[in-house]
Amino acid sequence: MTTTAKQLTSHRMELAATIQRLTSRDGDFATQVPGLWLYHRTAPSAGTCQVYAPALALIAQGSKKVTAGKATYAYGEATWLLTPLNMPVVSHVVKASAAAPYLACALMLDLAVAREMMTEEDMLAQVTPPAGRAVTTGPITADLLNVMLRLIRLLDVPQDIPVMARLLHQEVLYRLLTSEPGAMLRQIVTAGTQSHRISRAVDWLRANFREPLRVEELALHARMGESTLHHHFRALTGYSPLQFQKQLRLFEARRLMLVEGVDAASAAFATGYESPTQFSREYRRQFGQPPMRDVTQNREVESSARSVYA
């Protein structure tokens, strides 16, 4: 085993042991470090529907798959997952047991800070149009694993968090922005690119998904023509704008029913549906059964997912 491989294994084992010590049971755990979450699962999970925020996720032990649109991304102990914009996804913990639990961490990324960092001349030179979707996986490097480990170590020295967490967050962004798989992130945070314009459209839909979708208004907000918007939106997210909005509505309605105990009709109206019948029809098409039957079967599993990035 090479020195780098030994270092990676050592860091990953320390990361797993630290997450195990700080969590000790199944769940999603917010930490004192801004934007840092820890995850612990002792069994594989069925599909969990969530809207992932811009974030980097690392798995210290176990494996997972995430489906966004028609694309599925598998990642585990040697791979990171990056979502550089808000994305509705279905996630499955694939490998987990009581003896060897799924242990992971995620850092919510401040894209405004990434945008400032991209003003550096050497980074701007790397802005090339990448192919593929916004969701990205990449190999875990010793540098990236090391900085995430140092972030988590801050939990044992909370007096250092106010200053060091900000600096380490910047280092995480630097490692991503200067990596080959970070091409999409560079595109999204660089003003004037098509990916950046689509990210503006995504942010607008995320904030206004309850409202009727007017594509011309969305295109105006993104500063794109309607046909260009449709083409690049689907290329980046795997959804049309209308499909994206529908996912946001259905996922939020399901959360309201599962976690907050809201009835189906109230969840429908709260998420922008004008007709409970239409809501029930689209819900069944998405989840395979009517709202209340689905909620009854899945309440215990889904209600344990508290964060935006489990």
Protein backbone atom coordinates (compact mmCIF):
# COMPACT_ATOMS: atom_id res chain seq x y z
CA MET A 1 0.00 0.00 0.00
CA THR A 2 1.38 3.41 -0.97
CA THR A 3 1.89 6.22 1.51
CA THR A 4 -1.08 8.13 0.04
CA ALA A 5 -3.33 5.06 0.26
CA LYS A 6 -2.28 4.49 3.86
CA GLN A 7 -3.01 8.12 4.66
CA LEU A 8 -6.46 7.91 3.06
CA THR A 9 -7.29 4.75 4.99
CA SER A 10 -6.06 6.25 8.25
CA HIS A 11 -8.07 9.46 7.77
CA ARG A 12 -11.20 7.57 6.75
CA MET A 13 -10.98 5.27 9.79
CA GLU A 14 -10.54 8.28 12.08
CA LEU A 15 -13.50 9.99 10.40
CA ALA A 16 -15.67 6.91 10.89
CA ALA A 17 -14.65 6.52 14.54
CA THR A 18 -15.30 10.22 15.24
CA ILE A 19 -18.76 10.18 13.62
CA GLN A 20 -19.58 6.97 15.53
CA ARG A 21 -18.51 8.59 18.81
CA LEU A 22 -20.43 11.81 18.19
CA THR A 23 -23.66 10.15 17.04
CA SER A 24 -23.95 6.68 18.69
CA ARG A 25 -27.46 6.05 17.30
CA ASP A 26 -29.42 6.27 14.07
CA GLY A 27 -30.32 9.76 12.92
CA ASP A 28 -29.26 13.02 11.28
CA PHE A 29 -27.28 15.30 13.56
CA ALA A 30 -26.72 19.03 13.13
CA THR A 31 -23.45 20.14 14.70
CA GLN A 32 -22.05 23.34 16.17
CA VAL A 33 -19.99 23.81 13.01
CA PRO A 34 -22.21 25.86 10.66
CA GLY A 35 -23.59 23.71 7.86
CA LEU A 36 -21.96 20.47 9.05
CA TRP A 37 -24.20 17.40 9.51
CA LEU A 38 -23.39 13.87 10.66
CA TYR A 39 -25.35 10.74 9.68
CA HIS A 40 -25.68 7.31 11.28
CA ARG A 41 -27.71 4.34 9.98
CA THR A 42 -27.64 0.71 11.17
CA ALA A 43 -29.68 -0.72 8.29
CA PRO A 44 -30.21 -0.07 4.59
CA SER A 45 -33.03 2.35 3.85
CA ALA A 46 -35.85 2.54 1.35
CA GLY A 47 -36.04 5.60 -0.87
CA THR A 48 -36.00 8.85 1.09
CA CYS A 49 -37.36 11.86 -0.85
CA GLN A 50 -35.55 15.11 -0.14
CA VAL A 51 -34.38 18.33 -1.71
CA TYR A 52 -30.61 18.36 -1.44
CA ALA A 53 -29.10 21.78 -0.80
CA PRO A 54 -25.74 22.79 -2.34
CA ALA A 55 -23.44 20.50 -0.38
CA LEU A 56 -20.54 18.06 -0.31
CA ALA A 57 -21.12 14.62 1.19
CA LEU A 58 -18.50 12.08 2.28
CA ILE A 59 -19.12 8.53 3.48
CA ALA A 60 -16.69 7.26 6.10
CA GLN A 61 -18.28 3.79 6.22
CA GLY A 62 -20.95 2.13 4.08
CA SER A 63 -22.43 3.15 0.74
CA LYS A 64 -25.39 4.95 -0.78
CA LYS A 65 -27.13 5.70 -4.06
CA VAL A 66 -28.94 8.87 -5.05
CA THR A 67 -31.38 9.24 -7.95
CA ALA A 68 -32.03 12.63 -9.54
CA GLY A 69 -34.28 12.56 -12.57
CA LYS A 70 -33.36 9.44 -14.52
CA ALA A 71 -29.73 9.41 -13.36
CA THR A 72 -28.50 7.36 -10.40
CA TYR A 73 -25.25 8.07 -8.58
CA ALA A 74 -23.61 5.42 -6.40
CA TYR A 75 -20.93 6.45 -3.95
CA GLY A 76 -19.16 5.08 -0.92
CA GLU A 77 -15.94 5.18 1.04
CA ALA A 78 -13.73 6.20 -1.89
CA THR A 79 -16.05 8.76 -3.50
CA TRP A 80 -17.66 12.09 -2.67
CA LEU A 81 -21.00 13.44 -3.90
CA LEU A 82 -21.45 17.09 -4.78
CA THR A 83 -24.77 18.84 -5.40
CA PRO A 84 -23.95 22.43 -6.41
CA LEU A 85 -27.60 23.52 -6.55
CA ASN A 86 -30.92 22.59 -4.94
CA MET A 87 -31.97 19.19 -6.30
CA PRO A 88 -34.97 16.95 -5.53
CA VAL A 89 -33.59 13.42 -5.15
CA VAL A 90 -34.47 9.98 -3.86
CA SER A 91 -31.70 8.50 -1.72
CA HIS A 92 -31.04 4.94 -0.49
CA VAL A 93 -28.53 3.82 2.09
CA VAL A 94 -27.26 0.62 0.47
CA LYS A 95 -24.68 -0.76 2.88
CA ALA A 96 -25.25 -0.49 6.64
CA SER A 97 -25.57 -2.82 9.62
CA ALA A 98 -25.47 -2.72 13.41
CA ALA A 99 -21.93 -4.09 13.34
CA ALA A 100 -20.77 -1.73 10.60
CA PRO A 101 -23.15 1.27 10.46
CA TYR A 102 -23.40 3.74 7.63
CA LEU A 103 -21.44 6.78 8.84
CA ALA A 104 -21.30 9.96 6.79
CA CYS A 105 -20.95 13.72 6.92
CA ALA A 106 -22.12 16.58 4.72
CA LEU A 107 -21.12 20.21 4.55
CA MET A 108 -23.62 22.73 3.20
CA LEU A 109 -21.68 24.96 0.81
CA ASP A 110 -21.78 28.75 0.73
CA LEU A 111 -21.85 29.41 -3.01
CA ALA A 112 -21.43 33.14 -2.44
CA VAL A 113 -18.00 32.43 -0.96
CA ALA A 114 -17.21 30.11 -3.88
CA ARG A 115 -18.23 32.89 -6.27
CA GLU A 116 -15.81 35.30 -4.60
CA MET A 117 -13.02 32.74 -4.82
CA MET A 118 -13.65 32.33 -8.54
CA THR A 119 -12.61 35.94 -9.12
CA GLU A 120 -9.03 34.73 -8.70
CA GLU A 121 -7.46 34.79 -12.15
CA ASP A 122 -6.08 31.25 -12.03
CA MET A 123 -9.50 29.83 -11.19
CA LEU A 124 -11.31 31.78 -13.89
CA ALA A 125 -8.98 30.23 -16.42
CA GLN A 126 -10.40 26.82 -15.51
CA VAL A 127 -14.01 27.70 -16.39
CA THR A 128 -14.79 25.34 -19.25
CA PRO A 129 -18.27 24.09 -20.15
CA PRO A 130 -18.52 20.59 -18.59
CA ALA A 131 -20.79 17.89 -19.96
CA GLY A 132 -23.35 16.14 -17.79
CA ARG A 133 -25.63 16.90 -14.89
CA ALA A 134 -25.21 19.16 -11.89
CA VAL A 135 -24.89 16.26 -9.44
CA THR A 136 -21.26 15.14 -9.47
CA THR A 137 -19.17 12.39 -7.91
CA GLY A 138 -15.42 12.38 -7.58
CA PRO A 139 -12.62 10.42 -5.94
CA ILE A 140 -11.79 11.30 -2.35
CA THR A 141 -8.30 12.78 -2.14
CA ALA A 142 -6.08 12.96 0.91
CA ASP A 143 -6.31 16.78 0.90
CA LEU A 144 -10.11 16.86 0.81
CA LEU A 145 -10.52 14.11 3.39
CA ASN A 146 -8.01 15.83 5.64
CA VAL A 147 -9.85 19.18 5.64
CA MET A 148 -13.22 17.52 6.34
CA LEU A 149 -11.63 15.61 9.20
CA ARG A 150 -10.22 18.85 10.62
CA LEU A 151 -13.71 20.39 10.42
CA ILE A 152 -15.17 17.55 12.46
CA ARG A 153 -12.31 17.70 14.96
CA LEU A 154 -13.45 21.26 15.75
CA LEU A 155 -16.42 19.72 17.57
CA ASP A 156 -14.00 18.74 20.33
CA VAL A 157 -12.64 22.31 20.58
CA PRO A 158 -15.77 24.47 20.23
CA GLN A 159 -13.88 27.66 21.12
CA ASP A 160 -12.08 27.35 17.76
CA ILE A 161 -15.25 27.04 15.69
CA PRO A 162 -16.07 30.75 15.09
CA VAL A 163 -12.75 31.37 13.30
CA MET A 164 -11.51 28.00 12.09
CA ALA A 165 -14.81 26.72 10.65
CA ARG A 166 -14.94 29.62 8.20
CA LEU A 167 -11.33 29.07 7.08
CA LEU A 168 -11.80 25.32 6.68
CA HIS A 169 -15.03 25.86 4.73
CA GLN A 170 -13.03 28.03 2.32
CA GLU A 171 -10.43 25.28 2.00
CA VAL A 172 -13.13 22.72 1.15
CA LEU A 173 -14.39 25.04 -1.57
CA TYR A 174 -10.86 25.56 -2.85
CA ARG A 175 -10.23 21.81 -3.07
CA LEU A 176 -13.48 21.34 -5.01
CA LEU A 177 -13.06 24.35 -7.31
CA THR A 178 -9.53 23.33 -8.29
CA SER A 179 -10.40 19.66 -8.89
CA GLU A 180 -11.25 18.16 -12.26
CA PRO A 181 -14.68 16.92 -11.06
CA GLY A 182 -15.36 20.43 -9.75
CA ALA A 183 -15.92 21.76 -13.29
CA MET A 184 -19.68 21.99 -12.85
CA LEU A 185 -19.32 23.84 -9.56
CA ARG A 186 -16.99 26.33 -11.26
CA GLN A 187 -19.55 26.83 -14.01
CA ILE A 188 -22.46 27.32 -11.62
CA VAL A 189 -20.75 29.97 -9.49
CA THR A 190 -19.35 31.92 -12.45
CA ALA A 191 -21.66 34.74 -13.51
CA GLY A 192 -22.61 34.78 -17.18
CA THR A 193 -22.39 31.03 -17.83
CA GLN A 194 -25.46 29.05 -18.88
CA SER A 195 -25.10 26.89 -15.77
CA HIS A 196 -25.11 29.97 -13.56
CA ARG A 197 -28.29 31.20 -15.25
CA ILE A 198 -29.95 27.82 -14.72
CA SER A 199 -28.94 27.92 -11.05
CA ARG A 200 -30.79 31.24 -10.81
CA ALA A 201 -33.87 29.56 -12.30
CA VAL A 202 -33.56 26.68 -9.84
CA ASP A 203 -33.29 29.06 -6.89
CA TRP A 204 -36.37 30.93 -8.11
CA LEU A 205 -38.37 27.70 -8.45
CA ARG A 206 -37.22 26.56 -5.00
CA ALA A 207 -38.51 29.79 -3.47
CA ASN A 208 -41.73 29.96 -5.52
CA PHE A 209 -42.73 26.33 -6.21
CA ARG A 210 -46.19 26.86 -4.73
CA GLU A 211 -47.03 29.48 -7.36
CA PRO A 212 -48.29 28.68 -10.89
CA LEU A 213 -45.33 28.24 -13.21
CA ARG A 214 -45.03 30.85 -15.95
CA VAL A 215 -42.11 29.81 -18.11
CA GLU A 216 -41.73 33.27 -19.60
CA GLU A 217 -41.30 34.72 -16.09
CA LEU A 218 -38.77 32.02 -15.18
CA ALA A 219 -36.83 32.67 -18.41
CA LEU A 220 -36.80 36.39 -17.68
CA HIS A 221 -35.45 35.75 -14.19
CA ALA A 222 -32.74 33.49 -15.60
CA ARG A 223 -32.00 36.00 -18.40
CA MET A 224 -32.46 33.35 -21.08
CA GLY A 225 -34.82 32.66 -23.97
CA GLU A 226 -37.54 30.12 -23.23
CA SER A 227 -36.22 27.42 -25.59
CA THR A 228 -32.67 27.91 -24.32
CA LEU A 229 -33.94 27.68 -20.75
CA HIS A 230 -35.74 24.39 -21.43
CA HIS A 231 -32.70 22.86 -23.14
CA HIS A 232 -30.13 23.79 -20.52
CA PHE A 233 -32.45 23.21 -17.56
CA ARG A 234 -33.05 19.61 -18.59
CA ALA A 235 -29.39 19.06 -19.43
CA LEU A 236 -28.29 20.27 -15.99
CA THR A 237 -31.01 18.86 -13.71
CA GLY A 238 -32.56 15.99 -15.66
CA TYR A 239 -35.99 17.65 -15.38
CA SER A 240 -38.00 20.17 -17.36
CA PRO A 241 -38.89 23.24 -15.25
CA LEU A 242 -42.45 21.92 -14.83
CA GLN A 243 -41.23 18.47 -13.75
CA PHE A 244 -38.79 20.10 -11.34
CA GLN A 245 -41.59 22.15 -9.77
CA LYS A 246 -43.77 19.04 -9.51
CA GLN A 247 -41.01 17.18 -7.67
CA LEU A 248 -40.61 20.07 -5.24
CA ARG A 249 -44.36 20.15 -4.58
CA LEU A 250 -44.76 16.40 -4.12
CA PHE A 251 -41.68 16.03 -1.91
CA GLU A 252 -42.80 18.91 0.32
CA ALA A 253 -46.37 17.57 0.50
CA ARG A 254 -45.04 14.16 1.49
CA ARG A 255 -42.85 15.73 4.17
CA LEU A 256 -45.80 17.68 5.57
CA MET A 257 -47.86 14.50 5.87
CA LEU A 258 -45.07 12.26 7.18
CA VAL A 259 -43.34 14.61 9.60
CA GLU A 260 -45.99 17.16 10.57
CA GLY A 261 -49.08 14.97 10.37
CA VAL A 262 -50.92 17.16 7.86
CA ASP A 263 -53.82 15.52 5.99
CA ALA A 264 -53.65 15.00 2.23
CA ALA A 265 -56.01 17.81 1.21
CA SER A 266 -54.22 20.35 3.40
CA ALA A 267 -50.82 19.22 2.09
CA ALA A 268 -52.09 19.61 -1.47
CA PHE A 269 -53.30 23.18 -0.96
CA ALA A 270 -50.18 24.10 1.06
CA THR A 271 -47.93 23.12 -1.85
CA GLY A 272 -49.84 24.92 -4.60
CA TYR A 273 -52.29 22.32 -5.86
CA GLU A 274 -55.76 23.68 -6.59
CA SER A 275 -57.36 20.23 -6.80
CA PRO A 276 -56.89 17.40 -4.26
CA THR A 277 -57.88 15.00 -7.05
CA GLN A 278 -55.02 16.18 -9.26
CA PHE A 279 -52.66 16.01 -6.26
CA SER A 280 -53.71 12.43 -5.47
CA ARG A 281 -53.28 11.39 -9.11
CA GLU A 282 -49.79 12.89 -9.40
CA TYR A 283 -48.81 11.60 -5.95
CA ARG A 284 -49.80 8.05 -6.90
CA ARG A 285 -47.86 8.31 -10.16
CA GLN A 286 -44.76 9.45 -8.23
CA PHE A 287 -44.89 7.18 -5.19
CA GLY A 288 -46.90 4.21 -6.43
CA GLN A 289 -49.91 4.51 -4.11
CA PRO A 290 -52.41 7.08 -2.78
CA PRO A 291 -51.12 9.68 -0.29
CA MET A 292 -52.50 8.37 2.99
CA ARG A 293 -51.65 4.73 2.27
CA ASP A 294 -48.09 5.74 1.42
CA VAL A 295 -47.84 7.89 4.54
CA THR A 296 -49.16 5.13 6.81
CA GLN A 297 -46.53 2.70 5.53
CA ASN A 298 -43.60 5.11 5.61
CA ARG A 299 -44.13 7.53 8.49
CA GLU A 300 -41.69 5.85 10.88
CA VAL A 301 -38.89 5.64 8.31
CA GLU A 302 -39.20 9.08 6.74
CA SER A 303 -39.83 11.05 9.91
CA SER A 304 -36.32 10.22 11.12
CA ALA A 305 -34.80 12.18 8.21
CA ARG A 306 -34.40 15.68 9.65
CA SER A 307 -31.80 17.37 7.51
CA VAL A 308 -31.71 18.54 3.90
CA TYR A 309 -28.96 16.08 3.08
CA ALA A 310 -29.40 12.72 4.80
